[in-house]
Protein backbone atom coordinates (compact mmCIF):
# COMPACT_ATOMS: atom_id res chain seq x y z
CA MET A 1 73.86 64.01 127.49
CA TYR A 2 72.77 66.74 129.47
CA ASN A 3 70.05 69.09 128.62
CA TYR A 4 70.68 72.69 129.13
CA ASP A 5 68.17 75.47 129.49
CA TYR A 6 70.02 78.21 127.14
CA LYS A 7 67.63 80.23 126.90
CA GLN A 8 68.66 81.67 130.61
CA LEU A 9 72.43 82.36 129.43
CA ARG A 10 73.33 85.25 127.53
CA PHE A 11 76.33 84.33 124.92
CA ALA A 12 78.97 85.85 123.02
CA LEU A 13 79.70 84.56 120.22
CA TYR A 14 83.44 83.99 119.56
CA VAL A 15 85.70 83.43 116.09
CA ARG A 16 88.93 84.16 115.16
CA LYS A 17 91.45 83.91 112.98
CA SER A 18 95.48 84.42 112.91
CA GLN A 19 96.83 86.98 110.34
CA GLU A 20 99.11 84.74 109.71
CA ASP A 21 96.46 82.25 108.59
CA LYS A 22 94.49 84.16 105.97
CA ASN A 23 93.42 81.91 103.37
CA ARG A 24 95.53 78.76 104.82
CA GLN A 25 92.94 78.47 108.12
CA VAL A 26 91.08 75.52 107.77
CA GLN A 27 88.42 77.15 109.83
CA SER A 28 88.01 80.82 108.34
CA ILE A 29 85.53 83.48 110.04
CA GLU A 30 82.88 82.98 107.85
CA SER A 31 82.61 79.33 108.02
CA GLN A 32 83.24 79.43 111.63
CA LEU A 33 80.23 81.73 111.69
CA GLU A 34 78.47 79.45 109.33
CA VAL A 35 79.05 76.64 111.44
CA LEU A 36 77.93 78.17 115.01
CA GLU A 37 75.01 80.11 113.98
CA GLU A 38 73.86 76.87 112.73
CA HIS A 39 74.57 75.05 116.23
CA ALA A 40 73.02 78.05 118.05
CA GLY A 41 69.77 77.70 115.84
CA LYS A 42 69.32 74.18 116.93
CA GLU A 43 70.38 74.59 120.55
CA ASN A 44 67.86 77.67 120.76
CA ILE A 45 71.10 79.64 122.15
CA ASN A 46 70.91 83.38 122.74
CA ILE A 47 73.63 84.97 121.15
CA ILE A 48 73.74 88.60 122.15
CA LYS A 49 76.82 89.98 120.51
CA ILE A 50 79.39 88.47 118.09
CA TYR A 51 83.09 89.15 118.31
CA LYS A 52 85.37 88.77 115.92
CA ASP A 53 89.24 88.87 115.91
CA CYS A 54 91.78 88.85 112.89
CA ALA A 55 95.04 88.55 115.24
CA SER A 56 97.28 85.70 116.99
CA ALA A 57 96.29 85.14 120.40
CA HIS A 58 100.07 83.94 120.74
CA LYS A 59 100.63 87.28 122.52
CA PRO A 60 98.78 88.76 125.64
CA ASN A 61 96.42 91.75 124.81
CA ASN A 62 97.10 91.34 120.58
CA ARG A 63 92.63 91.03 120.22
CA LYS A 64 90.31 93.87 120.51
CA GLY A 65 87.36 91.62 120.11
CA PHE A 66 88.94 89.40 123.00
CA ASN A 67 89.39 92.54 125.03
CA GLU A 68 86.24 93.70 124.52
CA MET A 69 84.24 90.07 125.19
CA LEU A 70 86.33 90.30 128.40
CA GLN A 71 84.86 93.86 129.63
CA ASP A 72 81.78 92.95 128.25
CA ILE A 73 81.51 89.65 130.89
CA ASN A 74 83.05 91.83 133.62
CA ASP A 75 80.19 94.32 133.01
CA LYS A 76 77.72 91.29 133.65
CA LYS A 77 76.32 91.79 129.68
CA ILE A 78 76.92 88.68 128.85
CA ASP A 79 77.99 85.09 130.64
CA SER A 80 78.68 82.65 128.70
CA ILE A 81 80.82 82.26 125.31
CA LEU A 82 80.43 80.17 122.03
CA CYS A 83 83.48 79.47 120.05
CA TRP A 84 84.57 76.68 117.51
CA LYS A 85 86.90 75.27 119.67
CA ALA A 86 88.94 76.31 123.05
CA ASP A 87 92.18 77.26 121.51
CA ARG A 88 89.91 80.09 119.20
CA LEU A 89 90.38 81.77 123.06
CA ALA A 90 93.23 81.71 123.99
CA ARG A 91 97.40 80.22 123.00
CA ASN A 92 98.98 82.10 125.55
CA HIS A 93 99.12 81.49 129.75
CA ILE A 94 98.29 85.14 130.26
CA GLU A 95 94.98 85.13 128.44
CA GLY A 96 93.94 81.46 128.98
CA GLY A 97 94.45 82.12 132.79
CA MET A 98 92.04 85.20 132.80
CA THR A 99 89.26 83.02 130.74
CA MET A 100 89.59 79.96 133.43
CA HIS A 101 89.37 82.03 136.59
CA CYS A 102 85.94 83.24 135.30
CA LEU A 103 84.76 80.49 134.65
CA GLU A 104 85.85 79.05 137.89
CA GLN A 105 84.15 82.12 139.87
CA GLY A 106 80.94 81.23 137.91
CA ILE A 107 81.69 84.90 136.30
CA ILE A 108 81.25 83.11 132.77
CA LYS A 109 78.70 80.77 133.14
CA MET A 110 79.41 78.71 130.67
CA ILE A 111 82.06 77.71 127.71
CA LYS A 112 80.35 75.95 124.51
CA THR A 113 81.81 74.12 121.34
CA PRO A 114 80.14 72.23 118.57
CA HIS A 115 81.58 69.22 120.29
CA LYS A 116 82.30 70.25 124.45
CA THR A 117 80.82 72.36 127.35
CA PHE A 118 82.98 73.87 130.22
CA LEU A 119 80.69 74.22 133.00
CA PRO A 120 82.15 76.35 136.38
CA THR A 121 81.07 72.65 138.43
CA ASP A 122 83.55 70.65 135.99
CA ASN A 123 86.67 69.58 136.30
CA THR A 124 89.13 72.12 135.15
CA LEU A 125 91.99 69.86 134.04
CA PRO A 126 90.49 68.97 130.33
CA LEU A 127 90.05 72.86 129.78
CA THR A 128 93.67 73.55 130.99
CA ILE A 129 94.85 70.91 128.56
CA GLU A 130 93.35 72.14 125.95
CA PHE A 131 94.75 75.98 126.62
CA GLY A 132 97.72 74.31 127.40
CA MET A 133 98.26 72.23 124.22
CA ALA A 134 97.37 75.59 122.06
CA ASN A 135 100.32 77.36 123.99
CA GLN A 136 102.52 74.66 123.34
CA TYR A 137 101.49 74.31 119.73
CA SER A 138 102.37 78.52 119.35
CA ARG A 139 105.48 78.01 121.02
CA ASP A 140 106.78 75.07 118.88
CA LEU A 141 105.66 76.65 115.62
CA SER A 142 107.72 79.76 116.83
CA LEU A 143 110.61 77.75 117.42
CA ASN A 144 109.87 75.95 113.62
CA ILE A 145 109.85 79.09 112.20
CA LYS A 146 112.87 80.75 113.77
CA ARG A 147 115.23 77.50 113.10
CA GLY A 148 114.19 77.68 109.27
CA ASN A 149 114.56 81.18 108.98
CA LYS A 150 117.95 80.98 110.30
CA THR A 151 118.62 78.11 107.70
CA LYS A 152 117.45 80.07 104.79
CA VAL A 153 119.47 83.07 105.61
CA ASN A 154 122.86 81.55 106.24
CA LYS A 155 121.62 79.85 102.54
CA GLY A 156 121.71 83.47 101.12
CA GLY A 157 117.35 83.44 100.94
CA TRP A 158 115.18 86.23 102.12
CA CYS A 159 112.44 85.14 104.30
CA HIS A 160 110.13 88.06 103.70
CA ILE A 161 108.01 89.79 100.57
CA ALA A 162 110.39 91.06 98.13
CA PRO A 163 111.82 94.83 98.79
CA GLN A 164 110.52 96.93 95.44
CA GLY A 165 112.57 95.94 92.37
CA TYR A 166 112.58 92.27 93.14
CA VAL A 167 109.60 89.45 92.95
CA ASN A 168 109.53 86.35 95.20
CA ASN A 169 109.97 83.00 92.61
CA ARG A 170 107.24 80.74 95.01
CA LEU A 171 108.14 77.94 92.75
CA GLU A 172 112.02 78.15 92.83
CA LYS A 173 111.65 79.45 96.10
CA LYS A 174 114.50 82.31 95.72
CA ILE A 175 114.17 86.40 94.83
CA GLU A 176 114.68 87.37 91.26
CA THR A 177 115.19 91.02 89.82
CA ASP A 178 111.59 92.88 89.07
CA PRO A 179 111.99 93.23 85.26
CA GLU A 180 109.55 95.95 85.53
CA ARG A 181 110.45 97.68 88.38
CA PHE A 182 114.33 97.00 88.83
CA SER A 183 116.11 99.61 86.56
CA THR A 184 113.71 102.04 87.71
CA VAL A 185 114.33 101.97 91.48
CA ARG A 186 117.92 102.02 90.17
CA LYS A 187 117.39 105.49 88.85
CA MET A 188 116.47 106.18 91.96
CA TRP A 189 119.19 105.57 93.87
CA ASP A 190 121.21 107.24 90.98
CA LEU A 191 119.05 110.47 92.32
CA ALA A 192 119.68 110.01 95.72
CA LEU A 193 123.47 109.47 95.22
CA THR A 194 123.61 113.10 93.58
CA GLY A 195 122.69 114.53 96.66
CA GLN A 196 120.95 117.32 94.91
CA TYR A 197 117.18 115.62 95.53
CA SER A 198 115.36 115.37 98.84
CA LEU A 199 113.02 112.45 99.25
CA GLN A 200 109.53 114.20 97.93
CA GLN A 201 111.64 115.47 94.60
CA ILE A 202 112.68 111.76 93.60
CA CYS A 203 109.10 110.36 94.29
CA GLU A 204 107.67 113.22 92.32
CA LYS A 205 109.76 112.27 89.54
CA ALA A 206 109.39 108.66 90.26
CA ASN A 207 105.57 109.26 90.14
CA ASN A 208 105.06 111.65 87.34
CA GLU A 209 108.25 111.01 84.92
CA TRP A 210 108.43 106.95 85.28
CA ASN A 211 105.01 106.86 86.03
CA PHE A 212 105.97 104.11 89.02
CA LYS A 213 103.77 101.49 90.67
CA THR A 214 104.52 99.79 93.98
CA SER A 215 104.51 95.60 93.85
CA LYS A 216 101.26 94.85 93.84
CA LYS A 217 100.10 92.02 96.58
CA LYS A 218 97.23 90.29 97.19
CA ASN A 219 96.00 93.59 100.14
CA THR A 220 98.66 95.95 99.45
CA GLY A 221 100.87 97.61 96.75
CA GLY A 222 99.91 99.41 93.26
CA VAL A 223 100.28 102.83 94.32
CA LYS A 224 102.09 105.78 93.82
CA LEU A 225 105.48 105.51 95.77
CA THR A 226 105.70 107.67 99.10
CA THR A 227 108.22 109.18 100.90
CA GLY A 228 108.15 106.82 103.64
CA THR A 229 108.65 103.71 101.19
CA LEU A 230 111.27 105.76 99.59
CA HIS A 231 113.04 105.89 102.70
CA ASN A 232 112.99 102.11 103.85
CA ILE A 233 114.31 101.54 100.36
CA LEU A 234 117.67 103.85 100.93
CA VAL A 235 118.35 102.24 103.92
CA ASN A 236 117.55 98.61 103.13
CA PRO A 237 121.27 96.50 103.15
CA PHE A 238 119.05 94.23 100.68
CA TYR A 239 120.09 96.44 97.95
CA TYR A 240 123.95 95.68 98.63
CA GLY A 241 123.28 92.46 99.10
CA TYR A 242 123.42 91.59 102.67
CA ILE A 243 120.16 90.62 104.43
CA LYS A 244 119.10 91.04 107.96
CA ALA A 245 115.95 88.82 109.46
CA GLY A 246 115.71 89.51 112.78
CA GLU A 247 119.08 88.13 114.85
CA HIS A 248 120.03 86.48 111.80
CA GLN A 249 122.49 87.90 109.13
CA ALA A 250 124.48 87.07 106.09
CA TRP A 251 125.00 88.16 102.28
CA GLY A 252 122.04 86.89 100.28
CA ASN A 253 121.98 85.00 96.86
CA HIS A 254 120.12 87.70 95.13
CA LYS A 255 121.57 90.24 92.32
CA PRO A 256 122.77 93.85 94.27
CA MET A 257 121.23 96.78 92.97
CA ILE A 258 124.07 98.58 94.41
CA THR A 259 127.28 98.70 95.98
CA PHE A 260 128.69 98.93 99.70
CA LYS A 261 129.67 102.31 98.94
CA GLU A 262 126.47 103.53 97.05
CA PHE A 263 124.82 102.74 100.28
CA GLU A 264 127.06 104.45 102.60
CA LYS A 265 127.21 107.09 100.67
CA VAL A 266 123.58 107.82 100.54
CA GLN A 267 123.22 107.30 104.40
CA SER A 268 125.81 109.91 104.88
CA ILE A 269 123.44 112.20 102.60
CA LEU A 270 121.16 111.11 104.42
CA ARG A 271 122.30 111.95 107.75
CA TYR A 272 123.28 115.66 106.27
CA ARG A 273 119.91 116.00 105.02
CA GLY A 274 118.70 115.37 108.69
CA ARG A 275 120.34 117.74 110.16
CA LYS A 276 119.82 120.84 107.66
CA ALA A 277 118.01 123.85 109.32
CA TYR A 278 115.28 125.27 107.09
CA THR A 279 116.11 128.70 105.44
CA SER A 280 113.96 130.59 103.31
CA GLN A 281 117.20 132.22 101.69
CA SER A 282 119.76 129.89 99.68
CA PHE A 283 123.22 131.02 99.57
CA ALA A 284 125.95 128.46 97.89
CA TYR A 285 128.24 128.17 100.59
CA SER A 286 126.66 128.91 104.09
CA GLY A 287 126.34 125.02 105.89
CA ILE A 288 129.26 123.90 104.48
CA MET A 289 132.11 125.79 105.88
CA LYS A 290 133.53 126.16 109.49
CA CYS A 291 134.86 129.01 111.27
CA LYS A 292 138.63 127.68 111.32
CA VAL A 293 139.42 129.90 114.77
CA CYS A 294 136.15 128.54 116.88
CA SER A 295 134.64 125.66 114.68
CA SER A 296 131.29 127.47 114.71
CA MET A 297 129.56 127.21 111.20
CA ILE A 298 130.01 129.65 108.63
CA THR A 299 126.23 131.65 107.60
CA ALA A 300 125.53 133.95 105.00
CA GLU A 301 123.37 137.27 105.11
CA THR A 302 122.06 139.59 102.47
CA LYS A 303 122.42 143.43 102.91
CA VAL A 304 120.64 146.18 101.01
CA LYS A 305 122.04 149.91 100.55
CA TYR A 306 119.61 152.57 98.79
CA LYS A 307 118.07 155.77 99.05
CA CYS A 308 115.19 157.72 100.23
CA PRO A 309 113.55 158.73 96.93
CA LYS A 310 112.56 161.91 98.62
CA CYS A 311 115.05 163.04 100.91
CA GLY A 312 118.37 160.93 99.68
CA LYS A 313 119.11 159.48 103.11
CA LYS A 314 121.29 156.36 102.95
CA GLN A 315 118.62 153.24 104.08
CA THR A 316 119.61 149.63 105.11
CA ALA A 317 116.42 147.64 105.89
CA LYS A 318 114.73 145.31 104.14
CA ASN A 319 111.28 145.77 104.47
CA PRO A 320 108.96 148.85 104.18
CA LYS A 321 109.27 151.20 106.43
CA ILE A 322 108.55 155.01 106.95
CA CYS A 323 111.57 157.36 106.30
CA SER A 324 112.10 160.18 108.95
CA CYS A 325 111.00 162.30 106.06
CA GLY A 326 108.09 161.15 106.34
CA TYR A 327 108.03 159.30 102.87
CA MET A 328 106.61 155.70 102.87
CA ILE A 329 109.38 153.77 101.20
CA SER A 330 107.81 150.44 99.60
CA HIS A 331 109.52 147.26 98.26
CA LYS A 332 109.68 148.44 95.08
CA ASP A 333 112.41 151.38 96.03
CA ILE A 334 113.86 148.86 98.17
CA SER A 335 114.22 146.65 94.39
CA LYS A 336 116.05 149.27 93.27
CA GLY A 337 118.95 149.24 95.49
CA LYS A 338 122.52 147.16 95.69
CA PHE A 339 122.01 144.06 97.51
CA TYR A 340 125.02 142.82 98.90
CA THR A 341 126.05 138.79 100.48
CA TYR A 342 128.51 138.44 103.17
CA TYR A 343 129.32 135.23 104.84
CA HIS A 344 130.99 135.33 108.57
CA CYS A 345 130.99 133.34 111.51
CA SER A 346 127.63 132.17 113.66
CA LYS A 347 129.32 132.75 116.82
CA SER A 348 127.26 129.62 118.02
CA LYS A 349 130.27 128.46 120.80
CA GLY A 350 131.00 131.56 122.09
CA GLU A 351 132.48 135.27 121.14
CA CYS A 352 134.53 135.17 117.78
CA ASN A 353 136.71 137.90 116.22
CA GLN A 354 136.79 136.82 112.82
CA LYS A 355 135.21 139.48 109.96
CA SER A 356 132.56 138.98 107.62
CA ILE A 357 133.96 138.48 103.89
CA ARG A 358 132.37 139.59 100.90
CA LYS A 359 130.66 137.36 98.41
CA GLU A 360 132.32 138.13 95.64
CA LEU A 361 136.35 137.74 97.43
CA LEU A 362 134.79 133.98 98.33
CA ASP A 363 133.76 133.18 94.70
CA LYS A 364 137.13 133.88 93.60
CA GLN A 365 138.95 131.39 96.03
CA PHE A 366 136.51 128.95 95.47
CA GLU A 367 136.71 128.98 91.96
CA SER A 368 140.51 129.01 92.25
CA PHE A 369 140.59 126.10 94.13
CA ILE A 370 138.58 124.20 91.37
CA THR A 371 140.27 125.47 88.52
CA SER A 372 143.64 123.67 89.97
CA LEU A 373 141.54 120.56 90.06
CA GLU A 374 140.28 120.58 86.50
CA ILE A 375 141.38 118.43 83.79
CA ARG A 376 140.60 118.55 80.05
CA ALA A 377 138.74 116.14 77.43
CA ASN A 378 142.34 115.28 75.85
CA PHE A 379 143.63 114.24 79.29
CA ILE A 380 140.12 111.97 79.73
CA ASP A 381 141.00 109.95 76.26
CA TRP A 382 144.47 109.16 77.40
CA ALA A 383 143.65 108.25 80.49
CA GLU A 384 140.75 105.64 79.53
CA LYS A 385 143.57 104.03 77.35
CA TRP A 386 145.02 103.09 80.98
CA LEU A 387 141.73 102.76 82.61
CA LYS A 388 140.82 100.15 80.12
CA TYR A 389 144.58 98.27 80.39
CA LEU A 390 144.24 98.15 84.38
CA GLU A 391 140.70 96.89 83.83
CA GLN A 392 141.71 93.67 82.27
CA ARG A 393 144.65 93.35 84.75
CA GLU A 394 141.66 93.47 87.61
CA VAL A 395 139.31 91.10 85.76
CA GLN A 396 142.38 88.49 85.54
CA LYS A 397 143.26 88.94 89.20
CA GLU A 398 139.55 88.86 90.62
CA LYS A 399 139.24 85.92 89.05
CA LYS A 400 142.13 84.26 90.84
CA ASP A 401 141.18 85.81 94.15
CA LYS A 402 137.76 84.26 93.76
CA GLN A 403 139.18 80.78 92.97
CA THR A 404 141.27 81.17 95.96
CA ARG A 405 138.31 82.49 98.61
CA ILE A 406 135.87 79.17 96.86
CA ARG A 407 138.61 76.90 98.06
CA GLN A 408 139.36 78.43 101.94
CA ILE A 409 135.15 78.42 102.11
CA LYS A 410 134.92 74.96 101.31
CA ASP A 411 137.92 74.35 103.74
CA LEU A 412 136.28 76.39 106.27
CA GLU A 413 133.18 74.24 105.48
CA SER A 414 135.17 70.77 106.21
CA GLN A 415 136.66 72.40 109.41
CA LEU A 416 132.86 72.98 110.50
CA SER A 417 131.27 69.49 109.75
CA ARG A 418 134.56 68.03 111.74
CA LEU A 419 133.79 70.45 114.76
CA VAL A 420 130.19 69.20 114.50
CA ASP A 421 131.32 65.48 114.76
CA MET A 422 133.45 66.19 117.18
CA ARG A 423 130.36 67.57 119.40
CA MET A 424 128.14 64.71 118.66
CA THR A 425 131.14 62.44 120.02
CA ASP A 426 131.86 64.55 123.22
CA GLU A 427 135.28 65.10 122.29
CA ILE A 428 134.58 69.09 122.60
CA GLY A 429 132.45 70.72 125.38
CA ALA A 430 128.79 72.62 124.62
CA ASP A 431 130.90 76.27 125.30
CA LEU A 432 134.25 75.38 122.84
CA PHE A 433 131.71 74.43 120.41
CA LYS A 434 130.03 77.28 120.21
CA LYS A 435 133.05 79.63 120.36
CA LYS A 436 134.55 78.13 118.02
CA LYS A 437 131.52 77.87 115.30
CA GLU A 438 130.88 81.35 115.64
CA VAL A 439 134.54 81.88 114.06
CA LEU A 440 134.05 79.73 111.41
CA GLU A 441 130.51 81.04 110.56
CA LYS A 442 131.93 84.65 110.72
CA GLN A 443 135.01 83.75 108.25
CA MET A 444 132.98 82.27 105.95
CA ILE A 445 130.78 85.35 105.94
CA ILE A 446 133.41 88.03 105.11
CA LEU A 447 134.53 85.41 101.95
CA LYS A 448 131.24 84.84 100.94
CA GLY A 449 130.50 88.87 101.40
CA LYS A 450 133.64 89.27 99.13
CA ASN A 451 131.94 87.47 96.59
CA HIS A 452 129.04 89.25 96.41
CA CYS A 453 130.98 92.41 96.40
CA ARG A 454 131.74 94.06 92.82
CA ASN A 455 135.10 95.62 92.12
CA THR A 456 133.66 98.81 91.28
CA LYS A 457 137.07 101.07 91.72
CA ILE A 458 137.95 101.62 87.94
CA GLN A 459 134.16 102.68 87.19
CA GLU A 460 134.64 105.21 89.94
CA ILE A 461 137.67 106.73 88.84
CA ARG A 462 136.07 107.43 85.38
CA GLU A 463 133.21 108.70 87.26
CA ALA A 464 135.44 111.11 88.84
CA LEU A 465 137.41 111.93 85.80
CA SER A 466 134.40 112.47 84.12
CA PHE A 467 132.90 114.78 86.98
CA ILE A 468 136.11 117.14 86.84
CA GLU A 469 136.60 117.39 83.17
CA ASN A 470 135.54 121.08 82.83
CA LEU A 471 135.11 121.71 86.09
CA LYS A 472 135.24 125.54 86.25
CA THR A 473 132.58 125.66 83.46
CA LYS A 474 130.10 123.61 85.64
CA PHE A 475 130.88 125.74 88.61
CA LEU A 476 130.57 129.09 86.88
CA ASN A 477 127.17 127.95 85.31
CA ALA A 478 125.56 126.47 88.53
CA SER A 479 122.75 127.50 90.63
CA ASN A 480 123.76 127.98 94.20
CA LYS A 481 122.50 124.19 95.40
CA GLU A 482 124.42 123.31 92.81
CA LYS A 483 127.56 124.74 93.64
CA LYS A 484 127.35 123.92 97.46
CA GLN A 485 127.06 119.47 96.30
CA LEU A 486 129.57 120.52 94.18
CA ILE A 487 131.84 121.78 97.00
CA LEU A 488 130.88 118.64 98.91
CA GLU A 489 132.10 116.40 96.17
CA ILE A 490 135.18 117.25 95.62
CA GLY A 491 136.21 119.36 99.18
CA SER A 492 136.66 118.14 102.20
CA ASN A 493 136.26 120.25 105.73
CA PRO A 494 136.47 123.86 104.03
CA THR A 495 136.92 125.89 106.69
CA LEU A 496 137.51 130.23 106.52
CA ARG A 497 139.71 132.12 108.37
CA ASP A 498 141.34 135.80 108.32
CA LYS A 499 138.94 135.94 104.83
CA LYS A 500 140.61 133.08 103.47
CA LEU A 501 139.34 130.25 102.09
CA LEU A 502 141.26 126.84 103.45
CA VAL A 503 139.91 123.58 101.38
CA GLN A 504 141.53 120.47 100.99
CA ALA A 505 140.50 118.57 97.90
CA LYS A 506 139.30 114.47 98.56
CA ARG A 507 142.02 112.23 98.12
CA LYS A 508 140.47 110.61 95.09
CA TYR A 509 140.80 114.11 92.99
CA LEU A 510 144.18 114.70 94.17
CA THR A 511 145.89 111.80 93.25
CA ILE A 512 144.08 112.53 89.55
CA GLN A 513 146.61 115.46 88.99
CA LYS A 514 149.44 113.53 89.58
CA LEU A 515 149.09 111.64 86.04
CA ARG A 516 149.36 114.82 84.88
CA VAL A 517 153.14 114.27 84.72
CA HIS A 518 152.64 111.28 82.57
CA LYS A 519 150.30 112.63 80.37
CA ASN A 520 152.93 115.05 79.48
CA ASN A 521 155.62 112.56 78.65
CA LYS A 522 152.85 110.98 76.17
CA ILE A 523 153.60 107.50 77.87
CA GLU A 524 150.97 105.17 76.34
CA PRO A 525 149.49 101.57 78.12
CA PRO A 526 150.95 98.46 76.51
CA LYS A 527 148.53 96.78 73.90
CA ASP A 528 149.12 93.16 75.15
CA TYR A 529 148.47 93.98 78.91
CA SER A 530 151.97 92.43 79.46
CA THR A 531 153.33 94.07 82.77
CA SER A 532 156.87 92.33 81.95
CA ARG A 533 157.56 94.55 79.09
CA LEU A 534 157.58 97.93 80.77
CA GLN A 535 160.61 99.75 80.95
CA GLY A 536 161.55 102.83 82.46
CA ASN A 537 158.77 105.80 82.01
CA LEU A 538 156.42 103.57 81.30
CA ARG A 539 156.96 101.25 84.60
CA SER A 540 156.56 104.31 86.72
CA CYS A 541 153.62 105.32 85.24
CA TYR A 542 151.87 101.55 85.63
CA GLN A 543 153.27 101.76 89.09
CA THR A 544 151.59 105.18 89.36
CA TRP A 545 148.20 103.78 88.08
CA CYS A 546 148.03 100.64 90.50
CA THR A 547 148.50 103.49 93.11
CA ILE A 548 145.50 105.33 92.10
CA LEU A 549 143.91 102.20 92.24
CA ASP A 550 144.91 101.01 95.98
CA GLU A 551 144.59 105.13 96.98
CA ASN A 552 140.68 104.92 95.99
CA GLU A 553 139.79 101.82 97.72
CA THR A 554 137.71 104.17 99.80
CA PHE A 555 135.93 105.88 97.05
């Protein structure tokens, strides 16, 4: 055993634990410090500074404390290192090579652990082996984790902390709904689906009215909802049942909170909100119409006309000014004038010959369009009978379809198993195996996805019927913001040309109008859900309802 004069050396005491390790680390920072400080006291080691890191050493330049220590070594503030094990210093070739180079050149005069000592004059092979083993351990660990994640995702499992509204069941290792937050997060989606609430408004409602707090974790959570957290919720496909974990993706086993169509609708609303420009005035139809001639957006502005109280001269200025007669026109004088709102082409794509239109004229045209779509309560009652009839039909059909898909999935799994056997016996090459395996897995993902998707067509028709019930009254009593959202919901690509509104109703609302013919004939659905007994006009009505369902696949 050698005796060293440690008093001549200036030691850095370095301790590290990985973020991933947390409390599972065998030697935590506290226990490492305790052991090393005790060892330094026994050996009379001169500790100049202590460096701490709570980060993985697998990736280079990921540790603030280590980088600071290397800088102090190069600045000759310290010349030796005391650590628990050599693998605390590096688990990658770059930082391991830098440490080895400093030791070989004598810049680092000693690397000491409680059990080993490395000097510039020693054979570098033992230290090289320790760094190499540490690096290989990290690589193997990374590969094992990725392989495990892929297997878990393919089985519909989730590899991370459960999103808001869900909880991790650590005993059964699966995701379950959070009984405290699931319904509240669903209400956030409902508000987002209306398109009438900003992220900030939804957060305020959740925090102030629902007393929502995020899921409490060990070091995070238990706080009010922020717009950032809400945005992460609204763009996460996990909520409609689809899992994405790195490069792996599949349908999950958890209970979806929303449908895929609802998810797509929210994404569309978020994209629309991201394009909107700020304006201090709110107009009902600006930002949703285009000029039919030049395709520029239709904008709006308010004009005012009033007379000077002193000389009677007509004025149009919106802000206080001095009249030519010397009278100072105030805000109060302006407020007594007549205000007019005009809609016109913004001419953002060049010159355009289209003239402006008064708000009152445009109001009448939108009102006429909405009146053409309106239905009454007695029609809703009649339609509900047909919906209940078709709902039963859809349940029976979905049950058969699901059984068929289960058989198809089992058949694909058998094909995949045979394919693996053929590869193991070298009957097929690696490239062909990979190609056919991807085809089979893709088919299974599609079939499993259909099993996870709820058929919501009938419920969506109910919601559409409810939406256009007494639609004209809703429109007349709506605010500018509500009118805009209502038009976006029922209309498609509204344009303006020669002061005439051109707007096409969305397909789901147009097809509902066709049912009025059958309502007038007072045709009722059969009570026993049997299609074989349908005769004449009744069969025609049945076919129309089925057409409605098929046409509304894209609600």
